[in-house]
Amino acid sequence: MNYEWVIRCIGLLHLLQPPFTMLLASRLRLRSSFQELPPVAYGVAENMAVAAVVLPTSLGVYLAVIAADVVRGGPAWLLAVEVALFWTWRLERQLRIIGPLLGEARRTWHPFMSCVFFIQGPVLAVVLLSLRVGGVR
């Protein structure tokens, strides 16, 4: 196991987001909540929901593809840092705001989502920082 392999695995972990987001949205009946919005607000919310899944998933898969470049440093490493910071922020939101609102889904979804966000955020950040501190290029 090396840095490249770990970064590739964390990147591929992003592929869980689309199916689990759809499952959670179904479980929480989010579509009906969105459909209650006025038409323009519904359209905007739907666009933002799709973007909120597609963009981070794409960036994660991209990190998996360029894992060797991330290890070497430079712009790829900076992109990976940005991804790690995003998921660290998302973990904080999960723990402080979203998790408590999940109701019964909190028992299963909250720990799972928190674990995934922890790996994609703080764990990735530690891996990236250890690359620089450890002098790996």
C-alpha atoms as a PDB file:
ATOM      1  CA  MET A   1       0.000   0.000   0.000  1.00  0.00           C
ATOM      2  CA  ASN A   2       1.419   3.376  -1.017  1.00  0.00           C
ATOM      3  CA  TYR A   3       0.219   6.982  -1.286  1.00  0.00           C
ATOM      4  CA  GLU A   4      -0.903   6.598  -4.877  1.00  0.00           C
ATOM      5  CA  TRP A   5      -3.015   3.544  -4.026  1.00  0.00           C
ATOM      6  CA  VAL A   6      -4.604   5.289  -1.010  1.00  0.00           C
ATOM      7  CA  ILE A   7      -5.433   8.407  -3.056  1.00  0.00           C
ATOM      8  CA  ARG A   8      -6.859   6.254  -5.846  1.00  0.00           C
ATOM      9  CA  CYS A   9      -9.076   4.357  -3.372  1.00  0.00           C
ATOM     10  CA  ILE A  10     -10.315   7.565  -1.737  1.00  0.00           C
ATOM     11  CA  GLY A  11     -11.033   8.986  -5.187  1.00  0.00           C
ATOM     12  CA  LEU A  12     -13.009   5.909  -6.204  1.00  0.00           C
ATOM     13  CA  LEU A  13     -14.933   6.056  -2.920  1.00  0.00           C
ATOM     14  CA  HIS A  14     -16.662   9.084  -4.454  1.00  0.00           C
ATOM     15  CA  LEU A  15     -18.544   6.677  -6.746  1.00  0.00           C
ATOM     16  CA  LEU A  16     -20.722   5.776  -3.750  1.00  0.00           C
ATOM     17  CA  GLN A  17     -22.200   9.252  -3.690  1.00  0.00           C
ATOM     18  CA  PRO A  18     -24.689   9.038  -6.606  1.00  0.00           C
ATOM     19  CA  PRO A  19     -26.415   5.774  -5.639  1.00  0.00           C
ATOM     20  CA  PHE A  20     -26.467   6.531  -1.929  1.00  0.00           C
ATOM     21  CA  THR A  21     -27.698  10.075  -2.503  1.00  0.00           C
ATOM     22  CA  MET A  22     -30.580   8.674  -4.550  1.00  0.00           C
ATOM     23  CA  LEU A  23     -31.370   6.099  -1.852  1.00  0.00           C
ATOM     24  CA  LEU A  24     -31.282   8.690   0.902  1.00  0.00           C
ATOM     25  CA  ALA A  25     -33.354  11.165  -1.115  1.00  0.00           C
ATOM     26  CA  SER A  26     -35.930   8.436  -1.678  1.00  0.00           C
ATOM     27  CA  ARG A  27     -35.899   7.420   1.995  1.00  0.00           C
ATOM     28  CA  LEU A  28     -36.382  11.033   3.098  1.00  0.00           C
ATOM     29  CA  ARG A  29     -38.943  11.711   0.336  1.00  0.00           C
ATOM     30  CA  LEU A  30     -37.001  14.762  -0.812  1.00  0.00           C
ATOM     31  CA  ARG A  31     -38.494  14.829  -4.320  1.00  0.00           C
ATOM     32  CA  SER A  32     -41.961  15.601  -2.989  1.00  0.00           C
ATOM     33  CA  SER A  33     -40.498  18.351  -0.794  1.00  0.00           C
ATOM     34  CA  PHE A  34     -38.759  19.853  -3.833  1.00  0.00           C
ATOM     35  CA  GLN A  35     -41.929  19.599  -5.926  1.00  0.00           C
ATOM     36  CA  GLU A  36     -43.795  21.713  -3.370  1.00  0.00           C
ATOM     37  CA  LEU A  37     -41.553  24.655  -4.264  1.00  0.00           C
ATOM     38  CA  PRO A  38     -42.647  27.246  -6.836  1.00  0.00           C
ATOM     39  CA  PRO A  39     -41.641  26.168 -10.379  1.00  0.00           C
ATOM     40  CA  VAL A  40     -38.577  28.401 -10.685  1.00  0.00           C
ATOM     41  CA  ALA A  41     -37.330  27.498  -7.206  1.00  0.00           C
ATOM     42  CA  TYR A  42     -37.937  23.809  -7.980  1.00  0.00           C
ATOM     43  CA  GLY A  43     -35.906  24.072 -11.200  1.00  0.00           C
ATOM     44  CA  VAL A  44     -33.046  25.847  -9.447  1.00  0.00           C
ATOM     45  CA  ALA A  45     -33.089  23.406  -6.513  1.00  0.00           C
ATOM     46  CA  GLU A  46     -33.113  20.428  -8.882  1.00  0.00           C
ATOM     47  CA  ASN A  47     -30.156  21.857 -10.845  1.00  0.00           C
ATOM     48  CA  MET A  48     -28.211  22.505  -7.640  1.00  0.00           C
ATOM     49  CA  ALA A  49     -28.977  19.014  -6.321  1.00  0.00           C
ATOM     50  CA  VAL A  50     -27.639  17.398  -9.478  1.00  0.00           C
ATOM     51  CA  ALA A  51     -24.564  19.650  -9.457  1.00  0.00           C
ATOM     52  CA  ALA A  52     -23.979  18.879  -5.772  1.00  0.00           C
ATOM     53  CA  VAL A  53     -23.674  15.188  -6.626  1.00  0.00           C
ATOM     54  CA  VAL A  54     -22.061  15.249 -10.062  1.00  0.00           C
ATOM     55  CA  LEU A  55     -19.288  17.763  -9.426  1.00  0.00           C
ATOM     56  CA  PRO A  56     -17.791  16.248  -6.241  1.00  0.00           C
ATOM     57  CA  THR A  57     -18.168  12.730  -7.650  1.00  0.00           C
ATOM     58  CA  SER A  58     -16.394  13.759 -10.849  1.00  0.00           C
ATOM     59  CA  LEU A  59     -13.592  15.428  -8.906  1.00  0.00           C
ATOM     60  CA  GLY A  60     -13.137  12.333  -6.766  1.00  0.00           C
ATOM     61  CA  VAL A  61     -12.949  10.042  -9.787  1.00  0.00           C
ATOM     62  CA  TYR A  62     -10.551  12.495 -11.419  1.00  0.00           C
ATOM     63  CA  LEU A  63      -8.321  12.272  -8.321  1.00  0.00           C
ATOM     64  CA  ALA A  64      -8.303   8.500  -8.704  1.00  0.00           C
ATOM     65  CA  VAL A  65      -7.228   8.855 -12.330  1.00  0.00           C
ATOM     66  CA  ILE A  66      -4.452  11.358 -11.563  1.00  0.00           C
ATOM     67  CA  ALA A  67      -3.322   9.796  -8.257  1.00  0.00           C
ATOM     68  CA  ALA A  68       0.287   9.512  -9.477  1.00  0.00           C
ATOM     69  CA  ASP A  69       0.298  13.228 -10.332  1.00  0.00           C
ATOM     70  CA  VAL A  70      -1.140  14.053  -6.898  1.00  0.00           C
ATOM     71  CA  VAL A  71       1.748  12.187  -5.270  1.00  0.00           C
ATOM     72  CA  ARG A  72       4.254  14.168  -7.371  1.00  0.00           C
ATOM     73  CA  GLY A  73       2.776  17.463  -6.175  1.00  0.00           C
ATOM     74  CA  GLY A  74       1.997  20.633  -8.071  1.00  0.00           C
ATOM     75  CA  PRO A  75      -1.468  21.511  -9.383  1.00  0.00           C
ATOM     76  CA  ALA A  76      -2.823  17.967  -8.954  1.00  0.00           C
ATOM     77  CA  TRP A  77      -1.833  18.015  -5.277  1.00  0.00           C
ATOM     78  CA  LEU A  78      -3.546  21.400  -4.845  1.00  0.00           C
ATOM     79  CA  LEU A  79      -6.716  20.056  -6.464  1.00  0.00           C
ATOM     80  CA  ALA A  80      -6.648  17.123  -4.041  1.00  0.00           C
ATOM     81  CA  VAL A  81      -6.277  19.562  -1.136  1.00  0.00           C
ATOM     82  CA  GLU A  82      -9.320  21.443  -2.387  1.00  0.00           C
ATOM     83  CA  VAL A  83     -11.319  18.197  -2.527  1.00  0.00           C
ATOM     84  CA  ALA A  84     -10.181  17.286   0.999  1.00  0.00           C
ATOM     85  CA  LEU A  85     -11.182  20.714   2.297  1.00  0.00           C
ATOM     86  CA  PHE A  86     -14.606  20.443   0.645  1.00  0.00           C
ATOM     87  CA  TRP A  87     -15.304  17.066   2.270  1.00  0.00           C
ATOM     88  CA  THR A  88     -13.998  18.263   5.627  1.00  0.00           C
ATOM     89  CA  TRP A  89     -16.511  21.114   5.410  1.00  0.00           C
ATOM     90  CA  ARG A  90     -19.199  18.622   4.353  1.00  0.00           C
ATOM     91  CA  LEU A  91     -18.349  16.392   7.349  1.00  0.00           C
ATOM     92  CA  GLU A  92     -18.720  19.357   9.685  1.00  0.00           C
ATOM     93  CA  ARG A  93     -22.132  20.130   8.162  1.00  0.00           C
ATOM     94  CA  GLN A  94     -23.135  16.475   8.485  1.00  0.00           C
ATOM     95  CA  LEU A  95     -22.163  16.307  12.151  1.00  0.00           C
ATOM     96  CA  ARG A  96     -23.544  19.659  13.239  1.00  0.00           C
ATOM     97  CA  ILE A  97     -26.538  20.411  11.015  1.00  0.00           C
ATOM     98  CA  ILE A  98     -27.772  17.619   8.742  1.00  0.00           C
ATOM     99  CA  GLY A  99     -27.281  14.588  10.997  1.00  0.00           C
ATOM    100  CA  PRO A 100     -29.558  15.867  13.765  1.00  0.00           C
ATOM    101  CA  LEU A 101     -32.320  16.515  11.198  1.00  0.00           C
ATOM    102  CA  LEU A 102     -32.367  12.982   9.762  1.00  0.00           C
ATOM    103  CA  GLY A 103     -34.839  11.565  12.271  1.00  0.00           C
ATOM    104  CA  GLU A 104     -35.077   7.786  12.088  1.00  0.00           C
ATOM    105  CA  ALA A 105     -32.643   7.709   9.144  1.00  0.00           C
ATOM    106  CA  ARG A 106     -30.038   9.048  11.554  1.00  0.00           C
ATOM    107  CA  ARG A 107     -29.335   5.567  12.937  1.00  0.00           C
ATOM    108  CA  THR A 108     -28.047   4.144   9.668  1.00  0.00           C
ATOM    109  CA  TRP A 109     -27.353   7.027   7.298  1.00  0.00           C
ATOM    110  CA  HIS A 110     -25.634   9.449   9.653  1.00  0.00           C
ATOM    111  CA  PRO A 111     -22.788   7.104  10.730  1.00  0.00           C
ATOM    112  CA  PHE A 112     -22.281   5.860   7.161  1.00  0.00           C
ATOM    113  CA  MET A 113     -22.209   9.334   5.622  1.00  0.00           C
ATOM    114  CA  SER A 114     -20.008  10.680   8.411  1.00  0.00           C
ATOM    115  CA  CYS A 115     -17.502   7.864   7.881  1.00  0.00           C
ATOM    116  CA  VAL A 116     -17.363   8.406   4.117  1.00  0.00           C
ATOM    117  CA  PHE A 117     -16.971  12.181   4.514  1.00  0.00           C
ATOM    118  CA  PHE A 118     -14.274  11.617   7.169  1.00  0.00           C
ATOM    119  CA  ILE A 119     -12.268   9.479   4.730  1.00  0.00           C
ATOM    120  CA  GLN A 120     -12.764  11.875   1.809  1.00  0.00           C
ATOM    121  CA  GLY A 121     -11.966  14.951   3.928  1.00  0.00           C
ATOM    122  CA  PRO A 122      -9.700  14.725   6.969  1.00  0.00           C
ATOM    123  CA  VAL A 123      -8.113  11.373   6.044  1.00  0.00           C
ATOM    124  CA  LEU A 124      -7.307  12.601   2.531  1.00  0.00           C
ATOM    125  CA  ALA A 125      -5.944  15.845   4.023  1.00  0.00           C
ATOM    126  CA  VAL A 126      -3.631  13.900   6.369  1.00  0.00           C
ATOM    127  CA  VAL A 127      -2.415  11.762   3.462  1.00  0.00           C
ATOM    128  CA  LEU A 128      -1.740  14.862   1.359  1.00  0.00           C
ATOM    129  CA  LEU A 129       0.026  16.691   4.175  1.00  0.00           C
ATOM    130  CA  SER A 130       2.142  13.647   4.964  1.00  0.00           C
ATOM    131  CA  LEU A 131       3.234  13.617   1.322  1.00  0.00           C
ATOM    132  CA  ARG A 132       4.632  17.123   1.719  1.00  0.00           C
ATOM    133  CA  VAL A 133       5.987  16.748   5.248  1.00  0.00           C
ATOM    134  CA  GLY A 134       7.490  13.357   4.426  1.00  0.00           C
ATOM    135  CA  GLY A 135       9.218  14.798   1.382  1.00  0.00           C
ATOM    136  CA  VAL A 136       7.665  12.360  -1.087  1.00  0.00           C
ATOM    137  CA  ARG A 137       7.686  13.839  -4.555  1.00  0.00           C
END
